[in-house]
Amino acid sequence: MAYLLFKYLTTAALIVAISEVAKRSDKLGALLTALPLISVLTLIWLYVEKQPLDKIGDYSSNTFWYVLPTLPLFLIFPFLLERIGFWLALMASSGATMILFFLLALVMRRFNIGLM
């Protein structure tokens, strides 16, 4: 139980720290967010918890493919932000991300890479 609490607190502290940095410096906050810190932390947790190496490798390669359709969100959201407001821009850019994910999954299926 103590390990699980440590795991949650460490992960949460990282997210809170980055959001606090972003309040002071949007560029530094964005840089920290762009780093795959959560993914690396997840790889560490999986390894420490003695998950099979093939499972850890699959997690890492799947993460690569799942990141690709999320990238346009960071261009769509700021474009829409001042035009339609925060919540609608967030919903629209998130919706676009979901559509792009499904399109990527369809394309990748042709190459025998199953994302769903």
N, C-alpha and C. Protein backbone atom coordinates (compact mmCIF):
# COMPACT_ATOMS: atom_id res chain seq x y z
N MET A 1 0.82 -1.20 0.00
CA MET A 1 0.00 0.00 0.00
C MET A 1 0.86 1.26 0.00
N ALA A 2 1.96 1.24 0.75
CA ALA A 2 2.85 2.40 0.81
C ALA A 2 3.47 2.66 -0.56
N TYR A 3 3.82 1.58 -1.27
CA TYR A 3 4.40 1.74 -2.60
C TYR A 3 3.40 2.38 -3.55
N LEU A 4 2.14 1.94 -3.50
CA LEU A 4 1.11 2.49 -4.37
C LEU A 4 0.89 3.97 -4.07
N LEU A 5 0.88 4.33 -2.80
CA LEU A 5 0.75 5.73 -2.41
C LEU A 5 1.94 6.55 -2.93
N PHE A 6 3.14 6.00 -2.78
CA PHE A 6 4.35 6.67 -3.30
C PHE A 6 4.24 6.88 -4.81
N LYS A 7 3.77 5.84 -5.51
CA LYS A 7 3.63 5.91 -6.96
C LYS A 7 2.64 7.01 -7.36
N TYR A 8 1.50 7.06 -6.70
CA TYR A 8 0.49 8.09 -7.00
C TYR A 8 1.01 9.48 -6.69
N LEU A 9 1.62 9.65 -5.53
CA LEU A 9 2.10 10.97 -5.12
C LEU A 9 3.23 11.46 -6.03
N THR A 10 4.12 10.57 -6.42
CA THR A 10 5.21 10.96 -7.32
C THR A 10 4.68 11.42 -8.67
N THR A 11 3.75 10.65 -9.21
CA THR A 11 3.17 10.99 -10.51
C THR A 11 2.37 12.28 -10.43
N ALA A 12 1.56 12.42 -9.39
CA ALA A 12 0.76 13.64 -9.22
C ALA A 12 1.66 14.85 -9.00
N ALA A 13 2.72 14.69 -8.22
CA ALA A 13 3.63 15.81 -7.95
C ALA A 13 4.28 16.29 -9.24
N LEU A 14 4.59 15.39 -10.13
CA LEU A 14 5.18 15.76 -11.41
C LEU A 14 4.22 16.63 -12.22
N ILE A 15 2.97 16.23 -12.28
CA ILE A 15 1.96 16.99 -13.03
C ILE A 15 1.74 18.36 -12.40
N VAL A 16 1.62 18.41 -11.09
CA VAL A 16 1.42 19.69 -10.40
C VAL A 16 2.64 20.59 -10.59
N ALA A 17 3.83 20.03 -10.49
CA ALA A 17 5.05 20.84 -10.67
C ALA A 17 5.11 21.45 -12.06
N ILE A 18 4.77 20.67 -13.07
CA ILE A 18 4.80 21.20 -14.44
C ILE A 18 3.76 22.30 -14.62
N SER A 19 2.57 22.12 -14.06
CA SER A 19 1.54 23.16 -14.20
C SER A 19 1.96 24.44 -13.47
N GLU A 20 2.67 24.31 -12.35
CA GLU A 20 3.17 25.49 -11.64
C GLU A 20 4.26 26.19 -12.43
N VAL A 21 5.15 25.42 -13.05
CA VAL A 21 6.19 26.01 -13.89
C VAL A 21 5.54 26.75 -15.07
N ALA A 22 4.51 26.14 -15.66
CA ALA A 22 3.83 26.74 -16.81
C ALA A 22 3.17 28.07 -16.47
N LYS A 23 2.77 28.26 -15.21
CA LYS A 23 2.20 29.55 -14.79
C LYS A 23 3.24 30.66 -14.88
N ARG A 24 4.49 30.31 -14.62
CA ARG A 24 5.55 31.31 -14.59
C ARG A 24 6.23 31.47 -15.95
N SER A 25 6.32 30.36 -16.70
CA SER A 25 6.97 30.41 -18.01
C SER A 25 6.26 29.45 -18.95
N ASP A 26 5.52 30.01 -19.90
CA ASP A 26 4.79 29.14 -20.82
C ASP A 26 5.73 28.29 -21.66
N LYS A 27 6.89 28.82 -22.02
CA LYS A 27 7.84 28.06 -22.83
C LYS A 27 8.47 26.91 -22.04
N LEU A 28 8.90 27.18 -20.82
CA LEU A 28 9.49 26.11 -20.01
C LEU A 28 8.44 25.06 -19.66
N GLY A 29 7.23 25.52 -19.32
CA GLY A 29 6.14 24.58 -19.03
C GLY A 29 5.84 23.70 -20.23
N ALA A 30 5.82 24.30 -21.42
CA ALA A 30 5.55 23.54 -22.64
C ALA A 30 6.68 22.55 -22.91
N LEU A 31 7.92 22.98 -22.69
CA LEU A 31 9.05 22.08 -22.89
C LEU A 31 8.95 20.87 -21.96
N LEU A 32 8.66 21.12 -20.69
CA LEU A 32 8.53 20.02 -19.74
C LEU A 32 7.37 19.10 -20.10
N THR A 33 6.27 19.69 -20.57
CA THR A 33 5.13 18.89 -20.97
C THR A 33 5.46 18.05 -22.20
N ALA A 34 6.22 18.62 -23.12
CA ALA A 34 6.56 17.90 -24.35
C ALA A 34 7.51 16.73 -24.09
N LEU A 35 8.28 16.82 -23.03
CA LEU A 35 9.14 15.69 -22.69
C LEU A 35 8.26 14.51 -22.29
N PRO A 36 8.64 13.32 -22.65
CA PRO A 36 7.79 12.16 -22.32
C PRO A 36 7.98 11.69 -20.87
N LEU A 37 7.88 12.64 -19.93
CA LEU A 37 8.14 12.31 -18.53
C LEU A 37 7.17 11.26 -17.98
N ILE A 38 5.89 11.40 -18.29
CA ILE A 38 4.91 10.44 -17.79
C ILE A 38 5.16 9.07 -18.42
N SER A 39 5.47 9.05 -19.70
CA SER A 39 5.77 7.77 -20.35
C SER A 39 7.01 7.11 -19.75
N VAL A 40 8.04 7.91 -19.53
CA VAL A 40 9.26 7.36 -18.92
C VAL A 40 8.96 6.87 -17.51
N LEU A 41 8.21 7.64 -16.76
CA LEU A 41 7.84 7.22 -15.41
C LEU A 41 7.03 5.92 -15.46
N THR A 42 6.14 5.80 -16.42
CA THR A 42 5.36 4.56 -16.57
C THR A 42 6.28 3.39 -16.90
N LEU A 43 7.26 3.61 -17.79
CA LEU A 43 8.22 2.54 -18.08
C LEU A 43 8.96 2.11 -16.82
N ILE A 44 9.34 3.08 -16.01
CA ILE A 44 10.03 2.76 -14.74
C ILE A 44 9.12 1.96 -13.83
N TRP A 45 7.85 2.41 -13.68
CA TRP A 45 6.92 1.68 -12.80
C TRP A 45 6.72 0.25 -13.30
N LEU A 46 6.55 0.08 -14.61
CA LEU A 46 6.36 -1.27 -15.16
C LEU A 46 7.59 -2.15 -14.88
N TYR A 47 8.78 -1.59 -15.05
CA TYR A 47 10.00 -2.35 -14.81
C TYR A 47 10.16 -2.71 -13.33
N VAL A 48 9.94 -1.71 -12.47
CA VAL A 48 10.07 -1.94 -11.02
C VAL A 48 9.06 -2.99 -10.54
N GLU A 49 7.88 -2.99 -11.18
CA GLU A 49 6.85 -3.96 -10.82
C GLU A 49 7.04 -5.30 -11.52
N LYS A 50 8.21 -5.48 -12.15
CA LYS A 50 8.63 -6.73 -12.76
C LYS A 50 7.68 -7.24 -13.85
N GLN A 51 7.21 -6.29 -14.67
CA GLN A 51 6.41 -6.68 -15.83
C GLN A 51 7.33 -7.28 -16.88
N PRO A 52 6.82 -8.19 -17.69
CA PRO A 52 7.67 -8.80 -18.73
C PRO A 52 8.22 -7.73 -19.68
N LEU A 53 9.46 -7.93 -20.13
CA LEU A 53 10.09 -6.95 -21.00
C LEU A 53 9.33 -6.75 -22.30
N ASP A 54 8.70 -7.79 -22.83
CA ASP A 54 7.94 -7.62 -24.06
C ASP A 54 6.72 -6.72 -23.84
N LYS A 55 6.13 -6.80 -22.66
CA LYS A 55 5.00 -5.92 -22.32
C LYS A 55 5.47 -4.46 -22.24
N ILE A 56 6.63 -4.24 -21.64
CA ILE A 56 7.19 -2.89 -21.53
C ILE A 56 7.53 -2.36 -22.92
N GLY A 57 8.11 -3.20 -23.77
CA GLY A 57 8.42 -2.80 -25.13
C GLY A 57 7.17 -2.49 -25.94
N ASP A 58 6.13 -3.31 -25.78
CA ASP A 58 4.86 -3.06 -26.48
C ASP A 58 4.25 -1.73 -26.03
N TYR A 59 4.31 -1.47 -24.73
CA TYR A 59 3.79 -0.20 -24.21
C TYR A 59 4.51 0.97 -24.89
N SER A 60 5.83 0.88 -24.97
CA SER A 60 6.62 1.96 -25.55
C SER A 60 6.29 2.18 -27.03
N SER A 61 6.24 1.11 -27.80
CA SER A 61 5.95 1.29 -29.23
C SER A 61 4.52 1.73 -29.47
N ASN A 62 3.57 1.24 -28.67
CA ASN A 62 2.19 1.72 -28.80
C ASN A 62 2.08 3.19 -28.46
N THR A 63 2.84 3.64 -27.47
CA THR A 63 2.83 5.05 -27.10
C THR A 63 3.27 5.91 -28.28
N PHE A 64 4.27 5.46 -29.01
CA PHE A 64 4.72 6.20 -30.19
C PHE A 64 3.56 6.43 -31.15
N TRP A 65 2.85 5.37 -31.49
CA TRP A 65 1.76 5.49 -32.47
C TRP A 65 0.62 6.34 -31.92
N TYR A 66 0.35 6.26 -30.63
CA TYR A 66 -0.76 7.03 -30.05
C TYR A 66 -0.44 8.51 -29.93
N VAL A 67 0.83 8.87 -29.88
CA VAL A 67 1.21 10.28 -29.79
C VAL A 67 0.93 11.00 -31.12
N LEU A 68 1.15 10.33 -32.22
CA LEU A 68 1.02 10.99 -33.53
C LEU A 68 -0.31 11.71 -33.74
N PRO A 69 -1.46 11.07 -33.49
CA PRO A 69 -2.72 11.80 -33.74
C PRO A 69 -3.03 12.88 -32.69
N THR A 70 -2.26 12.93 -31.61
CA THR A 70 -2.50 13.98 -30.62
C THR A 70 -1.79 15.29 -30.98
N LEU A 71 -0.79 15.23 -31.82
CA LEU A 71 0.00 16.42 -32.13
C LEU A 71 -0.82 17.57 -32.74
N PRO A 72 -1.74 17.30 -33.68
CA PRO A 72 -2.52 18.41 -34.23
C PRO A 72 -3.36 19.16 -33.18
N LEU A 73 -3.69 18.51 -32.08
CA LEU A 73 -4.44 19.19 -31.02
C LEU A 73 -3.74 20.48 -30.61
N PHE A 74 -2.42 20.43 -30.55
CA PHE A 74 -1.66 21.57 -30.07
C PHE A 74 -1.58 22.70 -31.09
N LEU A 75 -2.03 22.45 -32.31
CA LEU A 75 -2.16 23.51 -33.31
C LEU A 75 -3.62 23.96 -33.44
N ILE A 76 -4.54 23.01 -33.37
CA ILE A 76 -5.97 23.32 -33.51
C ILE A 76 -6.46 24.12 -32.31
N PHE A 77 -6.08 23.69 -31.10
CA PHE A 77 -6.57 24.35 -29.89
C PHE A 77 -6.24 25.84 -29.84
N PRO A 78 -4.98 26.26 -30.02
CA PRO A 78 -4.71 27.70 -29.95
C PRO A 78 -5.38 28.48 -31.09
N PHE A 79 -5.54 27.85 -32.25
CA PHE A 79 -6.21 28.51 -33.37
C PHE A 79 -7.67 28.80 -33.01
N LEU A 80 -8.32 27.86 -32.35
CA LEU A 80 -9.74 28.02 -32.01
C LEU A 80 -9.99 28.77 -30.71
N LEU A 81 -9.00 28.82 -29.85
CA LEU A 81 -9.16 29.35 -28.49
C LEU A 81 -9.83 30.72 -28.45
N GLU A 82 -9.30 31.68 -29.16
CA GLU A 82 -9.87 33.03 -29.12
C GLU A 82 -11.11 33.17 -30.00
N ARG A 83 -11.30 32.23 -30.91
CA ARG A 83 -12.45 32.30 -31.81
C ARG A 83 -13.73 31.74 -31.17
N ILE A 84 -13.60 30.63 -30.44
CA ILE A 84 -14.81 29.99 -29.90
C ILE A 84 -14.76 29.76 -28.39
N GLY A 85 -13.69 30.19 -27.72
CA GLY A 85 -13.60 30.05 -26.28
C GLY A 85 -12.91 28.75 -25.87
N PHE A 86 -12.54 28.72 -24.60
CA PHE A 86 -11.73 27.61 -24.07
C PHE A 86 -12.40 26.26 -24.20
N TRP A 87 -13.60 26.10 -23.65
CA TRP A 87 -14.23 24.78 -23.58
C TRP A 87 -14.58 24.24 -24.96
N LEU A 88 -15.12 25.08 -25.83
CA LEU A 88 -15.45 24.61 -27.18
C LEU A 88 -14.18 24.28 -27.97
N ALA A 89 -13.14 25.09 -27.80
CA ALA A 89 -11.87 24.81 -28.48
C ALA A 89 -11.28 23.50 -27.97
N LEU A 90 -11.36 23.27 -26.67
CA LEU A 90 -10.85 22.02 -26.10
C LEU A 90 -11.64 20.82 -26.61
N MET A 91 -12.96 20.95 -26.66
CA MET A 91 -13.79 19.85 -27.16
C MET A 91 -13.54 19.61 -28.64
N ALA A 92 -13.46 20.67 -29.43
CA ALA A 92 -13.24 20.52 -30.87
C ALA A 92 -11.87 19.90 -31.17
N SER A 93 -10.85 20.38 -30.49
CA SER A 93 -9.51 19.84 -30.75
C SER A 93 -9.39 18.41 -30.23
N SER A 94 -10.07 18.09 -29.13
CA SER A 94 -10.09 16.71 -28.63
C SER A 94 -10.85 15.81 -29.59
N GLY A 95 -11.96 16.31 -30.13
CA GLY A 95 -12.73 15.55 -31.12
C GLY A 95 -11.90 15.29 -32.37
N ALA A 96 -11.16 16.30 -32.82
CA ALA A 96 -10.28 16.12 -33.98
C ALA A 96 -9.23 15.06 -33.68
N THR A 97 -8.71 15.05 -32.46
CA THR A 97 -7.72 14.05 -32.07
C THR A 97 -8.31 12.65 -32.15
N MET A 98 -9.54 12.48 -31.67
CA MET A 98 -10.18 11.16 -31.73
C MET A 98 -10.38 10.71 -33.18
N ILE A 99 -10.82 11.63 -34.02
CA ILE A 99 -11.01 11.30 -35.45
C ILE A 99 -9.68 10.91 -36.08
N LEU A 100 -8.64 11.68 -35.79
CA LEU A 100 -7.32 11.37 -36.33
C LEU A 100 -6.80 10.03 -35.82
N PHE A 101 -7.10 9.71 -34.56
CA PHE A 101 -6.69 8.42 -34.02
C PHE A 101 -7.34 7.28 -34.80
N PHE A 102 -8.65 7.38 -35.04
CA PHE A 102 -9.33 6.32 -35.77
C PHE A 102 -8.83 6.22 -37.22
N LEU A 103 -8.54 7.36 -37.84
CA LEU A 103 -7.99 7.34 -39.19
C LEU A 103 -6.60 6.69 -39.20
N LEU A 104 -5.77 7.02 -38.21
CA LEU A 104 -4.45 6.41 -38.11
C LEU A 104 -4.58 4.90 -37.89
N ALA A 105 -5.52 4.49 -37.06
CA ALA A 105 -5.73 3.07 -36.80
C ALA A 105 -6.11 2.34 -38.10
N LEU A 106 -6.95 2.97 -38.91
CA LEU A 106 -7.34 2.36 -40.19
C LEU A 106 -6.14 2.23 -41.12
N VAL A 107 -5.34 3.28 -41.21
CA VAL A 107 -4.15 3.25 -42.07
C VAL A 107 -3.16 2.19 -41.57
N MET A 108 -2.92 2.17 -40.27
CA MET A 108 -1.93 1.25 -39.72
C MET A 108 -2.37 -0.20 -39.83
N ARG A 109 -3.67 -0.43 -39.87
CA ARG A 109 -4.18 -1.80 -40.04
C ARG A 109 -3.69 -2.38 -41.36
N ARG A 110 -3.54 -1.54 -42.37
CA ARG A 110 -3.04 -2.00 -43.68
C ARG A 110 -1.59 -2.48 -43.60
N PHE A 111 -0.87 -2.03 -42.57
CA PHE A 111 0.51 -2.44 -42.37
C PHE A 111 0.64 -3.48 -41.24
N ASN A 112 -0.50 -4.07 -40.90
CA ASN A 112 -0.56 -5.10 -39.83
C ASN A 112 -0.10 -4.58 -38.48
N ILE A 113 -0.38 -3.31 -38.22
CA ILE A 113 -0.12 -2.73 -36.90
C ILE A 113 -1.47 -2.41 -36.30
N GLY A 114 -1.85 -3.19 -35.29
CA GLY A 114 -3.16 -3.01 -34.66
C GLY A 114 -3.09 -2.02 -33.53
N LEU A 115 -3.82 -0.93 -33.67
CA LEU A 115 -3.86 0.08 -32.61
C LEU A 115 -5.13 0.00 -31.77
N MET A 116 -6.06 -0.82 -32.23
CA MET A 116 -7.31 -0.96 -31.46
C MET A 116 -7.61 -2.42 -31.25
